[in-house]
C-alpha atoms as a PDB file:
ATOM      1  CA  MET A   1      82.953  88.802 134.254  1.00  0.00           C
ATOM      2  CA  HIS A   2      81.900  91.623 132.041  1.00  0.00           C
ATOM      3  CA  ARG A   3      82.657  94.171 134.662  1.00  0.00           C
ATOM      4  CA  GLY A   4      86.237  93.107 134.885  1.00  0.00           C
ATOM      5  CA  ARG A   5      86.592  93.298 131.021  1.00  0.00           C
ATOM      6  CA  ILE A   6      85.120  96.770 130.924  1.00  0.00           C
ATOM      7  CA  LEU A   7      87.444  97.946 133.614  1.00  0.00           C
ATOM      8  CA  LEU A   8      90.457  96.499 131.795  1.00  0.00           C
ATOM      9  CA  LEU A   9      89.478  98.165 128.548  1.00  0.00           C
ATOM     10  CA  ALA A  10      88.965 101.416 130.276  1.00  0.00           C
ATOM     11  CA  LEU A  11      92.440 101.241 131.853  1.00  0.00           C
ATOM     12  CA  LEU A  12      94.067 100.352 128.563  1.00  0.00           C
ATOM     13  CA  TRP A  13      92.252 103.216 126.887  1.00  0.00           C
ATOM     14  CA  LEU A  14      93.594 105.670 129.536  1.00  0.00           C
ATOM     15  CA  VAL A  15      97.062 104.258 129.509  1.00  0.00           C
ATOM     16  CA  SER A  16      97.649 103.781 125.805  1.00  0.00           C
ATOM     17  CA  PRO A  17      97.902 107.579 124.853  1.00  0.00           C
ATOM     18  CA  LEU A  18     100.429 108.140 127.540  1.00  0.00           C
ATOM     19  CA  THR A  19     102.485 105.176 126.456  1.00  0.00           C
ATOM     20  CA  LEU A  20     102.335 106.227 122.822  1.00  0.00           C
ATOM     21  CA  ALA A  21     103.375 109.883 123.673  1.00  0.00           C
ATOM     22  CA  ALA A  22     106.266 108.646 125.611  1.00  0.00           C
ATOM     23  CA  THR A  23     107.663 106.509 122.772  1.00  0.00           C
ATOM     24  CA  GLU A  24     107.299 109.100 119.955  1.00  0.00           C
ATOM     25  CA  PRO A  25     110.572 110.568 118.707  1.00  0.00           C
ATOM     26  CA  PRO A  26     110.952 114.342 118.863  1.00  0.00           C
ATOM     27  CA  MET A  27     110.182 116.261 115.725  1.00  0.00           C
ATOM     28  CA  LYS A  28     113.200 117.739 113.929  1.00  0.00           C
ATOM     29  CA  THR A  29     113.053 120.336 111.197  1.00  0.00           C
ATOM     30  CA  LEU A  30     115.341 119.402 108.308  1.00  0.00           C
ATOM     31  CA  ILE A  31     114.863 122.313 105.989  1.00  0.00           C
ATOM     32  CA  HIS A  32     113.852 125.816 106.278  1.00  0.00           C
ATOM     33  CA  PHE A  33     112.548 126.956 102.917  1.00  0.00           C
ATOM     34  CA  ASP A  34     113.238 130.653 103.732  1.00  0.00           C
ATOM     35  CA  ASP A  35     117.050 129.936 103.824  1.00  0.00           C
ATOM     36  CA  SER A  36     118.690 132.593 101.751  1.00  0.00           C
ATOM     37  CA  ALA A  37     121.775 130.372 101.176  1.00  0.00           C
ATOM     38  CA  GLY A  38     119.802 128.485  98.475  1.00  0.00           C
ATOM     39  CA  GLU A  39     120.806 125.128  99.791  1.00  0.00           C
ATOM     40  CA  PRO A  40     119.779 122.465  99.093  1.00  0.00           C
ATOM     41  CA  ARG A  41     119.039 122.866  95.391  1.00  0.00           C
ATOM     42  CA  TRP A  42     115.816 121.185  94.229  1.00  0.00           C
ATOM     43  CA  VAL A  43     115.695 119.392  90.701  1.00  0.00           C
ATOM     44  CA  ALA A  44     112.853 117.692  88.895  1.00  0.00           C
ATOM     45  CA  VAL A  45     113.185 114.080  87.661  1.00  0.00           C
ATOM     46  CA  ASN A  46     110.359 113.335  85.275  1.00  0.00           C
ATOM     47  CA  ASP A  47     109.458 110.494  83.080  1.00  0.00           C
ATOM     48  CA  GLY A  48     111.218 111.970  80.263  1.00  0.00           C
ATOM     49  CA  VAL A  49     114.240 110.072  81.197  1.00  0.00           C
ATOM     50  CA  MET A  50     112.368 107.003  80.013  1.00  0.00           C
ATOM     51  CA  GLY A  51     110.670 108.481  76.966  1.00  0.00           C
ATOM     52  CA  GLY A  52     107.429 109.775  78.829  1.00  0.00           C
ATOM     53  CA  ARG A  53     105.969 113.189  78.458  1.00  0.00           C
ATOM     54  CA  SER A  54     105.074 114.317  82.016  1.00  0.00           C
ATOM     55  CA  THR A  55     106.431 117.639  83.177  1.00  0.00           C
ATOM     56  CA  GLY A  56     106.862 119.091  86.732  1.00  0.00           C
ATOM     57  CA  GLY A  57     109.318 120.910  88.880  1.00  0.00           C
ATOM     58  CA  PRO A  58     109.934 122.713  92.159  1.00  0.00           C
ATOM     59  CA  GLU A  59     109.623 126.399  93.146  1.00  0.00           C
ATOM     60  CA  VAL A  60     110.722 127.863  96.393  1.00  0.00           C
ATOM     61  CA  ALA A  61     108.877 131.061  97.350  1.00  0.00           C
ATOM     62  CA  ALA A  62     107.621 132.731 100.454  1.00  0.00           C
ATOM     63  CA  GLY A  63     109.126 130.029 102.685  1.00  0.00           C
ATOM     64  CA  GLN A  64     107.535 127.151 100.904  1.00  0.00           C
ATOM     65  CA  LEU A  65     108.448 124.527  98.387  1.00  0.00           C
ATOM     66  CA  ARG A  66     105.768 124.115  95.757  1.00  0.00           C
ATOM     67  CA  PHE A  67     105.793 121.149  93.397  1.00  0.00           C
ATOM     68  CA  THR A  68     103.593 121.363  90.366  1.00  0.00           C
ATOM     69  CA  GLY A  69     103.281 119.487  87.058  1.00  0.00           C
ATOM     70  CA  VAL A  70     101.256 117.556  84.627  1.00  0.00           C
ATOM     71  CA  LEU A  71     101.315 113.722  84.388  1.00  0.00           C
ATOM     72  CA  SER A  72     101.026 112.093  81.109  1.00  0.00           C
ATOM     73  CA  LEU A  73     100.427 108.366  80.432  1.00  0.00           C
ATOM     74  CA  GLU A  74     101.721 108.713  76.815  1.00  0.00           C
ATOM     75  CA  ASN A  75     104.751 106.542  75.993  1.00  0.00           C
ATOM     76  CA  ASN A  76     104.232 104.447  79.205  1.00  0.00           C
ATOM     77  CA  GLY A  77     105.098 107.529  81.353  1.00  0.00           C
ATOM     78  CA  GLY A  78     103.393 108.774  84.416  1.00  0.00           C
ATOM     79  CA  PHE A  79     105.775 110.111  86.973  1.00  0.00           C
ATOM     80  CA  SER A  80     107.242 113.422  87.989  1.00  0.00           C
ATOM     81  CA  SER A  81     109.340 113.845  91.213  1.00  0.00           C
ATOM     82  CA  VAL A  82     111.481 116.337  92.927  1.00  0.00           C
ATOM     83  CA  ARG A  83     114.756 115.594  94.830  1.00  0.00           C
ATOM     84  CA  THR A  84     117.586 117.600  96.440  1.00  0.00           C
ATOM     85  CA  VAL A  85     121.199 117.832  95.373  1.00  0.00           C
ATOM     86  CA  GLY A  86     124.073 119.499  97.200  1.00  0.00           C
ATOM     87  CA  ARG A  87     123.364 118.682 100.781  1.00  0.00           C
ATOM     88  CA  ASP A  88     123.848 115.682 103.100  1.00  0.00           C
ATOM     89  CA  PHE A  89     121.199 115.164 105.815  1.00  0.00           C
ATOM     90  CA  ASP A  90     121.953 113.687 109.245  1.00  0.00           C
ATOM     91  CA  PHE A  91     119.151 111.372 110.162  1.00  0.00           C
ATOM     92  CA  THR A  92     120.828 109.983 113.324  1.00  0.00           C
ATOM     93  CA  GLY A  93     118.823 110.457 116.525  1.00  0.00           C
END
């Protein structure tokens, strides 16, 4: 009985990577940060909108988006984020 279980586990181990690879969706690049058009525009949204004192923001340079900042828990704050404006993304497919 153990021999049959081992054989079944070995078959599942061999087949599962093939099954997973066949069902993964293809990768799609949404943004190239070296785009000279400047779109989309990136803006920071920090906890200052609620009285917090965190700071942070985006910088696009050398084909990369870098987000840096300092989080502060003063005044019940503690978040800093970045988002895009000026562009719609097509996530179909």
